[in-house]
Amino acid sequence: MKPIRPVLGTAALAALLTLTACFGPPSPAPSPSSPSASTTASSTPASSSPTASASTAASGSPAPSSSAPSSPAQTTPPAAPSQPTVAPAPPASSTPAAGGQLPEQTAPLTIYYIAIEDGGVSGPSVGCGDSAVATYTEPVTFRDQVGPSLTRLFANRSREVGQSGLVNVLYQSTLKYLGGSFDGTTITVYLSGSFFLGGVCDIPRAEAQINLTAIAAAGAKRAAVFVNGRPMADVLSLK
């Protein structure tokens, strides 16, 4: 009887221990935390390697960047364009009004005559309540339009201008065109000869015919006319 009790007690104790091992509380899982720590530990050297590569890239970037600016500075010389612009300047300054001929062109000439007592209806008001009226010739080939226009005006020896009702008060005058100059605003005209007019009212009419014809031919704003070296206004004031 005595040896059986300890065996039963030992078996019961063994069964109790096995039941306790199966149904006891689960052990905490430190193993997952330790691998993560190991992975972070292993990743930190990996993360330090990109920084090293980044620093290598940063250290490598100055070399190409320093070579890049130097090459454009050598390939874009500013002196090349400045030299061509300086070179054409002397020819431009050597071609003022000193002398080249104007291009040849063909166009009608504009010549002014007088509409007596028109009161400025048909053109600019001149004379004793008259009008200066522009008329146009057939196409004429010329280089300087002022000379041909005034020469045509002085060559007209008729007082009546066809059937137009216009009058040419210069038909008896003996005027000749000598030359002229144009400064972009004023056309200066030099004439020779004499005026033969019909009365006091013909003086402003004659001035208007000559001045307006010269202005239209040159595209000027005003005219300065000299007859035998004297201003036309002074010559006509003696009439």
C-alpha atoms as a PDB file:
ATOM      1  CA  MET A   1       0.000   0.000   0.000  1.00  0.00           C
ATOM      2  CA  LYS A   2       2.732   2.504   0.691  1.00  0.00           C
ATOM      3  CA  PRO A   3       4.609   2.289  -2.680  1.00  0.00           C
ATOM      4  CA  ILE A   4       1.389   2.871  -4.753  1.00  0.00           C
ATOM      5  CA  ARG A   5       0.508   6.343  -3.291  1.00  0.00           C
ATOM      6  CA  PRO A   6       3.730   8.009  -4.316  1.00  0.00           C
ATOM      7  CA  VAL A   7       3.326   6.721  -7.906  1.00  0.00           C
ATOM      8  CA  LEU A   8      -0.198   8.018  -8.116  1.00  0.00           C
ATOM      9  CA  GLY A   9       0.931  11.327  -6.686  1.00  0.00           C
ATOM     10  CA  THR A  10       3.722  11.552  -9.164  1.00  0.00           C
ATOM     11  CA  ALA A  11       1.417  10.796 -12.106  1.00  0.00           C
ATOM     12  CA  ALA A  12      -1.130  13.319 -10.943  1.00  0.00           C
ATOM     13  CA  LEU A  13       1.576  15.876 -10.493  1.00  0.00           C
ATOM     14  CA  ALA A  14       2.928  15.185 -13.978  1.00  0.00           C
ATOM     15  CA  ALA A  15      -0.581  15.516 -15.455  1.00  0.00           C
ATOM     16  CA  LEU A  16      -1.131  18.713 -13.550  1.00  0.00           C
ATOM     17  CA  LEU A  17       2.174  20.113 -14.839  1.00  0.00           C
ATOM     18  CA  THR A  18       1.361  19.223 -18.460  1.00  0.00           C
ATOM     19  CA  LEU A  19      -2.112  20.840 -18.136  1.00  0.00           C
ATOM     20  CA  THR A  20      -0.545  23.913 -16.641  1.00  0.00           C
ATOM     21  CA  ALA A  21       1.968  24.161 -19.575  1.00  0.00           C
ATOM     22  CA  CYS A  22      -0.816  23.918 -22.169  1.00  0.00           C
ATOM     23  CA  PHE A  23      -3.339  26.309 -20.691  1.00  0.00           C
ATOM     24  CA  GLY A  24      -1.068  28.881 -19.085  1.00  0.00           C
ATOM     25  CA  PRO A  25      -0.926  32.539 -20.236  1.00  0.00           C
ATOM     26  CA  PRO A  26       0.898  33.061 -23.560  1.00  0.00           C
ATOM     27  CA  SER A  27       4.360  34.295 -23.255  1.00  0.00           C
ATOM     28  CA  PRO A  28       5.015  37.819 -24.515  1.00  0.00           C
ATOM     29  CA  ALA A  29       6.557  37.993 -28.003  1.00  0.00           C
ATOM     30  CA  PRO A  30       9.859  39.682 -27.591  1.00  0.00           C
ATOM     31  CA  SER A  31      11.199  37.917 -30.691  1.00  0.00           C
ATOM     32  CA  PRO A  32       9.237  40.159 -33.181  1.00  0.00           C
ATOM     33  CA  SER A  33      10.565  43.282 -31.496  1.00  0.00           C
ATOM     34  CA  SER A  34      14.103  42.046 -31.602  1.00  0.00           C
ATOM     35  CA  PRO A  35      14.011  41.289 -35.375  1.00  0.00           C
ATOM     36  CA  SER A  36      12.565  44.803 -36.031  1.00  0.00           C
ATOM     37  CA  ALA A  37      15.321  46.254 -33.953  1.00  0.00           C
ATOM     38  CA  SER A  38      17.775  44.197 -35.939  1.00  0.00           C
ATOM     39  CA  THR A  39      16.208  45.373 -39.186  1.00  0.00           C
ATOM     40  CA  THR A  40      16.361  48.996 -38.084  1.00  0.00           C
ATOM     41  CA  ALA A  41      19.885  48.445 -37.004  1.00  0.00           C
ATOM     42  CA  SER A  42      20.658  46.931 -40.365  1.00  0.00           C
ATOM     43  CA  SER A  43      18.752  49.699 -42.175  1.00  0.00           C
ATOM     44  CA  THR A  44      20.624  52.483 -40.471  1.00  0.00           C
ATOM     45  CA  PRO A  45      23.864  51.513 -42.137  1.00  0.00           C
ATOM     46  CA  ALA A  46      21.909  51.271 -45.398  1.00  0.00           C
ATOM     47  CA  SER A  47      20.457  54.739 -44.856  1.00  0.00           C
ATOM     48  CA  SER A  48      23.882  56.073 -44.080  1.00  0.00           C
ATOM     49  CA  SER A  49      25.140  54.677 -47.391  1.00  0.00           C
ATOM     50  CA  PRO A  50      22.645  56.806 -49.461  1.00  0.00           C
ATOM     51  CA  THR A  51      23.736  59.859 -47.570  1.00  0.00           C
ATOM     52  CA  ALA A  52      27.262  58.973 -48.435  1.00  0.00           C
ATOM     53  CA  SER A  53      26.246  58.543 -52.069  1.00  0.00           C
ATOM     54  CA  ALA A  54      24.311  61.799 -51.907  1.00  0.00           C
ATOM     55  CA  SER A  55      27.348  63.555 -50.538  1.00  0.00           C
ATOM     56  CA  THR A  56      29.371  61.942 -53.294  1.00  0.00           C
ATOM     57  CA  ALA A  57      26.916  63.259 -55.874  1.00  0.00           C
ATOM     58  CA  ALA A  58      27.015  66.644 -54.208  1.00  0.00           C
ATOM     59  CA  SER A  59      30.762  66.606 -54.236  1.00  0.00           C
ATOM     60  CA  GLY A  60      30.731  65.522 -57.881  1.00  0.00           C
ATOM     61  CA  SER A  61      28.259  68.209 -59.011  1.00  0.00           C
ATOM     62  CA  PRO A  62      30.581  71.212 -58.620  1.00  0.00           C
ATOM     63  CA  ALA A  63      33.005  69.822 -61.163  1.00  0.00           C
ATOM     64  CA  PRO A  64      30.499  69.589 -64.047  1.00  0.00           C
ATOM     65  CA  SER A  65      28.793  72.852 -63.050  1.00  0.00           C
ATOM     66  CA  SER A  66      32.076  74.726 -63.031  1.00  0.00           C
ATOM     67  CA  SER A  67      32.908  73.367 -66.483  1.00  0.00           C
ATOM     68  CA  ALA A  68      29.401  74.185 -67.819  1.00  0.00           C
ATOM     69  CA  PRO A  69      29.542  77.971 -67.221  1.00  0.00           C
ATOM     70  CA  SER A  70      33.054  78.226 -68.544  1.00  0.00           C
ATOM     71  CA  SER A  71      32.137  76.746 -71.932  1.00  0.00           C
ATOM     72  CA  PRO A  72      29.196  79.115 -72.644  1.00  0.00           C
ATOM     73  CA  ALA A  73      31.315  82.079 -71.619  1.00  0.00           C
ATOM     74  CA  GLN A  74      33.793  81.102 -74.327  1.00  0.00           C
ATOM     75  CA  THR A  75      31.201  80.288 -77.006  1.00  0.00           C
ATOM     76  CA  THR A  76      29.197  83.576 -76.804  1.00  0.00           C
ATOM     77  CA  PRO A  77      31.644  86.401 -77.555  1.00  0.00           C
ATOM     78  CA  PRO A  78      29.892  89.825 -77.547  1.00  0.00           C
ATOM     79  CA  ALA A  79      32.595  91.402 -79.681  1.00  0.00           C
ATOM     80  CA  ALA A  80      31.480  89.685 -82.905  1.00  0.00           C
ATOM     81  CA  PRO A  81      28.085  91.464 -83.269  1.00  0.00           C
ATOM     82  CA  SER A  82      29.444  94.819 -82.122  1.00  0.00           C
ATOM     83  CA  GLN A  83      32.053  94.936 -84.913  1.00  0.00           C
ATOM     84  CA  PRO A  84      29.521  94.603 -87.778  1.00  0.00           C
ATOM     85  CA  THR A  85      27.365  97.359 -86.292  1.00  0.00           C
ATOM     86  CA  VAL A  86      30.344  99.689 -86.064  1.00  0.00           C
ATOM     87  CA  ALA A  87      31.464  98.931 -89.618  1.00  0.00           C
ATOM     88  CA  PRO A  88      28.295 100.117 -91.442  1.00  0.00           C
ATOM     89  CA  ALA A  89      28.310 103.449 -89.567  1.00  0.00           C
ATOM     90  CA  PRO A  90      30.901 105.221 -91.782  1.00  0.00           C
ATOM     91  CA  PRO A  91      29.021 104.499 -95.041  1.00  0.00           C
ATOM     92  CA  ALA A  92      25.812 105.853 -93.507  1.00  0.00           C
ATOM     93  CA  SER A  93      27.530 109.060 -92.439  1.00  0.00           C
ATOM     94  CA  SER A  94      29.225 109.388 -95.837  1.00  0.00           C
ATOM     95  CA  THR A  95      25.901 109.523 -97.681  1.00  0.00           C
ATOM     96  CA  PRO A  96      24.276 112.751 -96.530  1.00  0.00           C
ATOM     97  CA  ALA A  97      22.861 115.254 -98.948  1.00  0.00           C
ATOM     98  CA  ALA A  98      26.284 115.557-100.571  1.00  0.00           C
ATOM     99  CA  GLY A  99      25.329 114.137-103.729  1.00  0.00           C
ATOM    100  CA  GLY A 100      23.762 110.905-104.966  1.00  0.00           C
ATOM    101  CA  GLN A 101      21.032 111.039-107.567  1.00  0.00           C
ATOM    102  CA  LEU A 102      17.453 110.334-106.609  1.00  0.00           C
ATOM    103  CA  PRO A 103      15.911 107.148-108.035  1.00  0.00           C
ATOM    104  CA  GLU A 104      14.147 107.541-111.348  1.00  0.00           C
ATOM    105  CA  GLN A 105      10.356 107.346-111.197  1.00  0.00           C
ATOM    106  CA  THR A 106       7.333 108.024-113.368  1.00  0.00           C
ATOM    107  CA  ALA A 107       4.257 109.886-112.080  1.00  0.00           C
ATOM    108  CA  PRO A 108       1.961 112.790-112.981  1.00  0.00           C
ATOM    109  CA  LEU A 109       3.160 116.264-112.069  1.00  0.00           C
ATOM    110  CA  THR A 110       1.047 118.462-109.773  1.00  0.00           C
ATOM    111  CA  ILE A 111       0.694 122.072-110.932  1.00  0.00           C
ATOM    112  CA  TYR A 112      -1.391 124.792-109.277  1.00  0.00           C
ATOM    113  CA  TYR A 113      -3.552 127.324-111.088  1.00  0.00           C
ATOM    114  CA  ILE A 114      -6.045 129.918-109.857  1.00  0.00           C
ATOM    115  CA  ALA A 115      -9.833 129.810-109.650  1.00  0.00           C
ATOM    116  CA  ILE A 116     -10.800 133.501-109.659  1.00  0.00           C
ATOM    117  CA  GLU A 117     -13.265 134.582-106.938  1.00  0.00           C
ATOM    118  CA  ASP A 118     -13.786 130.965-105.846  1.00  0.00           C
ATOM    119  CA  GLY A 119     -13.497 131.951-102.188  1.00  0.00           C
ATOM    120  CA  GLY A 120     -11.390 128.939-101.192  1.00  0.00           C
ATOM    121  CA  VAL A 121     -14.039 126.394-102.253  1.00  0.00           C
ATOM    122  CA  SER A 122     -11.887 124.406-104.709  1.00  0.00           C
ATOM    123  CA  GLY A 123      -8.569 124.765-102.880  1.00  0.00           C
ATOM    124  CA  PRO A 124      -6.529 126.935-100.516  1.00  0.00           C
ATOM    125  CA  SER A 125      -7.802 130.529-100.364  1.00  0.00           C
ATOM    126  CA  VAL A 126      -5.393 133.018-101.965  1.00  0.00           C
ATOM    127  CA  GLY A 127      -5.341 136.422-103.624  1.00  0.00           C
ATOM    128  CA  CYS A 128      -8.444 138.518-103.718  1.00  0.00           C
ATOM    129  CA  GLY A 129     -10.922 135.852-102.611  1.00  0.00           C
ATOM    130  CA  ASP A 130      -9.553 133.248-105.041  1.00  0.00           C
ATOM    131  CA  SER A 131      -8.592 129.562-104.747  1.00  0.00           C
ATOM    132  CA  ALA A 132      -5.423 127.710-105.719  1.00  0.00           C
ATOM    133  CA  VAL A 133      -6.417 124.472-107.448  1.00  0.00           C
ATOM    134  CA  ALA A 134      -4.185 121.442-108.065  1.00  0.00           C
ATOM    135  CA  THR A 135      -4.116 120.012-111.581  1.00  0.00           C
ATOM    136  CA  TYR A 136      -2.290 116.901-112.817  1.00  0.00           C
ATOM    137  CA  THR A 137      -0.329 116.241-115.987  1.00  0.00           C
ATOM    138  CA  GLU A 138       0.245 112.997-117.864  1.00  0.00           C
ATOM    139  CA  PRO A 139       2.805 110.616-116.269  1.00  0.00           C
ATOM    140  CA  VAL A 140       6.309 112.044-116.534  1.00  0.00           C
ATOM    141  CA  THR A 141       9.643 110.317-115.825  1.00  0.00           C
ATOM    142  CA  PHE A 142      11.908 112.293-113.480  1.00  0.00           C
ATOM    143  CA  ARG A 143      14.418 112.103-110.642  1.00  0.00           C
ATOM    144  CA  ASP A 144      13.742 115.486-108.988  1.00  0.00           C
ATOM    145  CA  GLN A 145      10.047 116.306-109.328  1.00  0.00           C
ATOM    146  CA  VAL A 146      10.438 119.966-108.337  1.00  0.00           C
ATOM    147  CA  GLY A 147      12.342 120.974-111.470  1.00  0.00           C
ATOM    148  CA  PRO A 148       9.976 119.336-113.992  1.00  0.00           C
ATOM    149  CA  SER A 149       6.886 120.686-112.191  1.00  0.00           C
ATOM    150  CA  LEU A 150       8.055 124.312-112.093  1.00  0.00           C
ATOM    151  CA  THR A 151       9.461 124.092-115.627  1.00  0.00           C
ATOM    152  CA  ARG A 152       6.058 122.885-116.876  1.00  0.00           C
ATOM    153  CA  LEU A 153       4.332 125.726-114.989  1.00  0.00           C
ATOM    154  CA  PHE A 154       6.638 128.400-116.462  1.00  0.00           C
ATOM    155  CA  ALA A 155       6.340 126.938-119.972  1.00  0.00           C
ATOM    156  CA  ASN A 156       2.576 127.520-120.083  1.00  0.00           C
ATOM    157  CA  ARG A 157       2.043 130.697-122.124  1.00  0.00           C
ATOM    158  CA  SER A 158      -1.746 130.708-121.951  1.00  0.00           C
ATOM    159  CA  ARG A 159      -3.758 132.621-119.401  1.00  0.00           C
ATOM    160  CA  GLU A 160      -6.700 130.224-119.611  1.00  0.00           C
ATOM    161  CA  VAL A 161      -6.010 126.628-118.596  1.00  0.00           C
ATOM    162  CA  GLY A 162      -8.015 124.739-121.226  1.00  0.00           C
ATOM    163  CA  GLN A 163     -11.745 124.601-120.489  1.00  0.00           C
ATOM    164  CA  SER A 164     -11.266 124.267-116.726  1.00  0.00           C
ATOM    165  CA  GLY A 165     -12.043 127.902-115.914  1.00  0.00           C
ATOM    166  CA  LEU A 166      -8.684 128.169-114.136  1.00  0.00           C
ATOM    167  CA  VAL A 167      -6.231 131.003-114.758  1.00  0.00           C
ATOM    168  CA  ASN A 168      -2.420 131.086-115.041  1.00  0.00           C
ATOM    169  CA  VAL A 169      -1.218 134.507-113.907  1.00  0.00           C
ATOM    170  CA  LEU A 170       2.400 133.627-114.795  1.00  0.00           C
ATOM    171  CA  TYR A 171       1.773 133.236-118.542  1.00  0.00           C
ATOM    172  CA  GLN A 172       3.703 136.451-119.388  1.00  0.00           C
ATOM    173  CA  SER A 173       6.537 136.006-116.872  1.00  0.00           C
ATOM    174  CA  THR A 174       9.999 134.819-117.928  1.00  0.00           C
ATOM    175  CA  LEU A 175      11.030 132.532-115.101  1.00  0.00           C
ATOM    176  CA  LYS A 176      13.496 129.671-115.172  1.00  0.00           C
ATOM    177  CA  TYR A 177      14.196 126.967-112.603  1.00  0.00           C
ATOM    178  CA  LEU A 178      17.874 126.864-111.542  1.00  0.00           C
ATOM    179  CA  GLY A 179      17.852 124.354-108.716  1.00  0.00           C
ATOM    180  CA  GLY A 180      16.753 123.704-105.180  1.00  0.00           C
ATOM    181  CA  SER A 181      17.282 121.828-101.932  1.00  0.00           C
ATOM    182  CA  PHE A 182      15.037 120.055 -99.437  1.00  0.00           C
ATOM    183  CA  ASP A 183      15.775 119.630 -95.712  1.00  0.00           C
ATOM    184  CA  GLY A 184      12.774 117.413 -94.934  1.00  0.00           C
ATOM    185  CA  THR A 185      10.499 120.343 -94.102  1.00  0.00           C
ATOM    186  CA  THR A 186      11.271 123.309 -96.376  1.00  0.00           C
ATOM    187  CA  ILE A 187      11.851 123.183-100.120  1.00  0.00           C
ATOM    188  CA  THR A 188      14.223 125.963-101.180  1.00  0.00           C
ATOM    189  CA  VAL A 189      13.931 126.970-104.836  1.00  0.00           C
ATOM    190  CA  TYR A 190      16.223 129.193-106.913  1.00  0.00           C
ATOM    191  CA  LEU A 191      14.802 130.916-109.986  1.00  0.00           C
ATOM    192  CA  SER A 192      15.981 133.474-112.497  1.00  0.00           C
ATOM    193  CA  GLY A 193      13.990 135.825-114.730  1.00  0.00           C
ATOM    194  CA  SER A 194      11.280 138.439-114.302  1.00  0.00           C
ATOM    195  CA  PHE A 195       7.605 138.702-113.330  1.00  0.00           C
ATOM    196  CA  PHE A 196       5.048 140.309-115.634  1.00  0.00           C
ATOM    197  CA  LEU A 197       1.726 140.436-113.804  1.00  0.00           C
ATOM    198  CA  GLY A 198      -1.650 142.005-114.494  1.00  0.00           C
ATOM    199  CA  GLY A 199      -2.311 143.820-111.204  1.00  0.00           C
ATOM    200  CA  VAL A 200      -2.023 143.824-107.432  1.00  0.00           C
ATOM    201  CA  CYS A 201      -4.194 140.721-106.991  1.00  0.00           C
ATOM    202  CA  ASP A 202      -1.854 138.755-109.290  1.00  0.00           C
ATOM    203  CA  ILE A 203       0.994 139.030-106.734  1.00  0.00           C
ATOM    204  CA  PRO A 204      -0.472 136.615-104.146  1.00  0.00           C
ATOM    205  CA  ARG A 205      -1.776 134.457-107.003  1.00  0.00           C
ATOM    206  CA  ALA A 206       1.720 134.148-108.514  1.00  0.00           C
ATOM    207  CA  GLU A 207       3.207 133.349-105.101  1.00  0.00           C
ATOM    208  CA  ALA A 208       0.586 130.661-104.513  1.00  0.00           C
ATOM    209  CA  GLN A 209       1.151 129.007-107.888  1.00  0.00           C
ATOM    210  CA  ILE A 210       4.922 128.772-107.396  1.00  0.00           C
ATOM    211  CA  ASN A 211       4.963 127.905-103.672  1.00  0.00           C
ATOM    212  CA  LEU A 212       2.220 125.260-103.771  1.00  0.00           C
ATOM    213  CA  THR A 213       3.612 123.622-106.922  1.00  0.00           C
ATOM    214  CA  ALA A 214       7.059 123.327-105.308  1.00  0.00           C
ATOM    215  CA  ILE A 215       5.612 122.070-102.003  1.00  0.00           C
ATOM    216  CA  ALA A 216       3.533 119.394-103.744  1.00  0.00           C
ATOM    217  CA  ALA A 217       6.495 118.243-105.840  1.00  0.00           C
ATOM    218  CA  ALA A 218       8.847 117.914-102.853  1.00  0.00           C
ATOM    219  CA  GLY A 219       6.329 116.697-100.286  1.00  0.00           C
ATOM    220  CA  ALA A 220       7.364 119.672 -98.130  1.00  0.00           C
ATOM    221  CA  LYS A 221       5.513 121.735 -95.539  1.00  0.00           C
ATOM    222  CA  ARG A 222       6.683 125.141 -96.768  1.00  0.00           C
ATOM    223  CA  ALA A 223       8.675 126.738 -99.577  1.00  0.00           C
ATOM    224  CA  ALA A 224      11.392 129.399 -99.691  1.00  0.00           C
ATOM    225  CA  VAL A 225      11.708 130.796-103.213  1.00  0.00           C
ATOM    226  CA  PHE A 226      14.547 133.055-104.389  1.00  0.00           C
ATOM    227  CA  VAL A 227      14.437 134.933-107.693  1.00  0.00           C
ATOM    228  CA  ASN A 228      17.756 136.261-108.989  1.00  0.00           C
ATOM    229  CA  GLY A 229      19.209 135.672-105.505  1.00  0.00           C
ATOM    230  CA  ARG A 230      16.501 137.594-103.673  1.00  0.00           C
ATOM    231  CA  PRO A 231      13.448 136.338-101.751  1.00  0.00           C
ATOM    232  CA  MET A 232      10.434 136.164-104.037  1.00  0.00           C
ATOM    233  CA  ALA A 233       8.344 138.233-101.612  1.00  0.00           C
ATOM    234  CA  ASP A 234      10.861 141.112-101.906  1.00  0.00           C
ATOM    235  CA  VAL A 235      10.901 140.918-105.686  1.00  0.00           C
ATOM    236  CA  LEU A 236       7.105 140.960-105.930  1.00  0.00           C
ATOM    237  CA  SER A 237       6.752 143.776-103.407  1.00  0.00           C
ATOM    238  CA  LEU A 238       8.282 146.102-106.026  1.00  0.00           C
ATOM    239  CA  LYS A 239       5.540 145.373-108.532  1.00  0.00           C
END
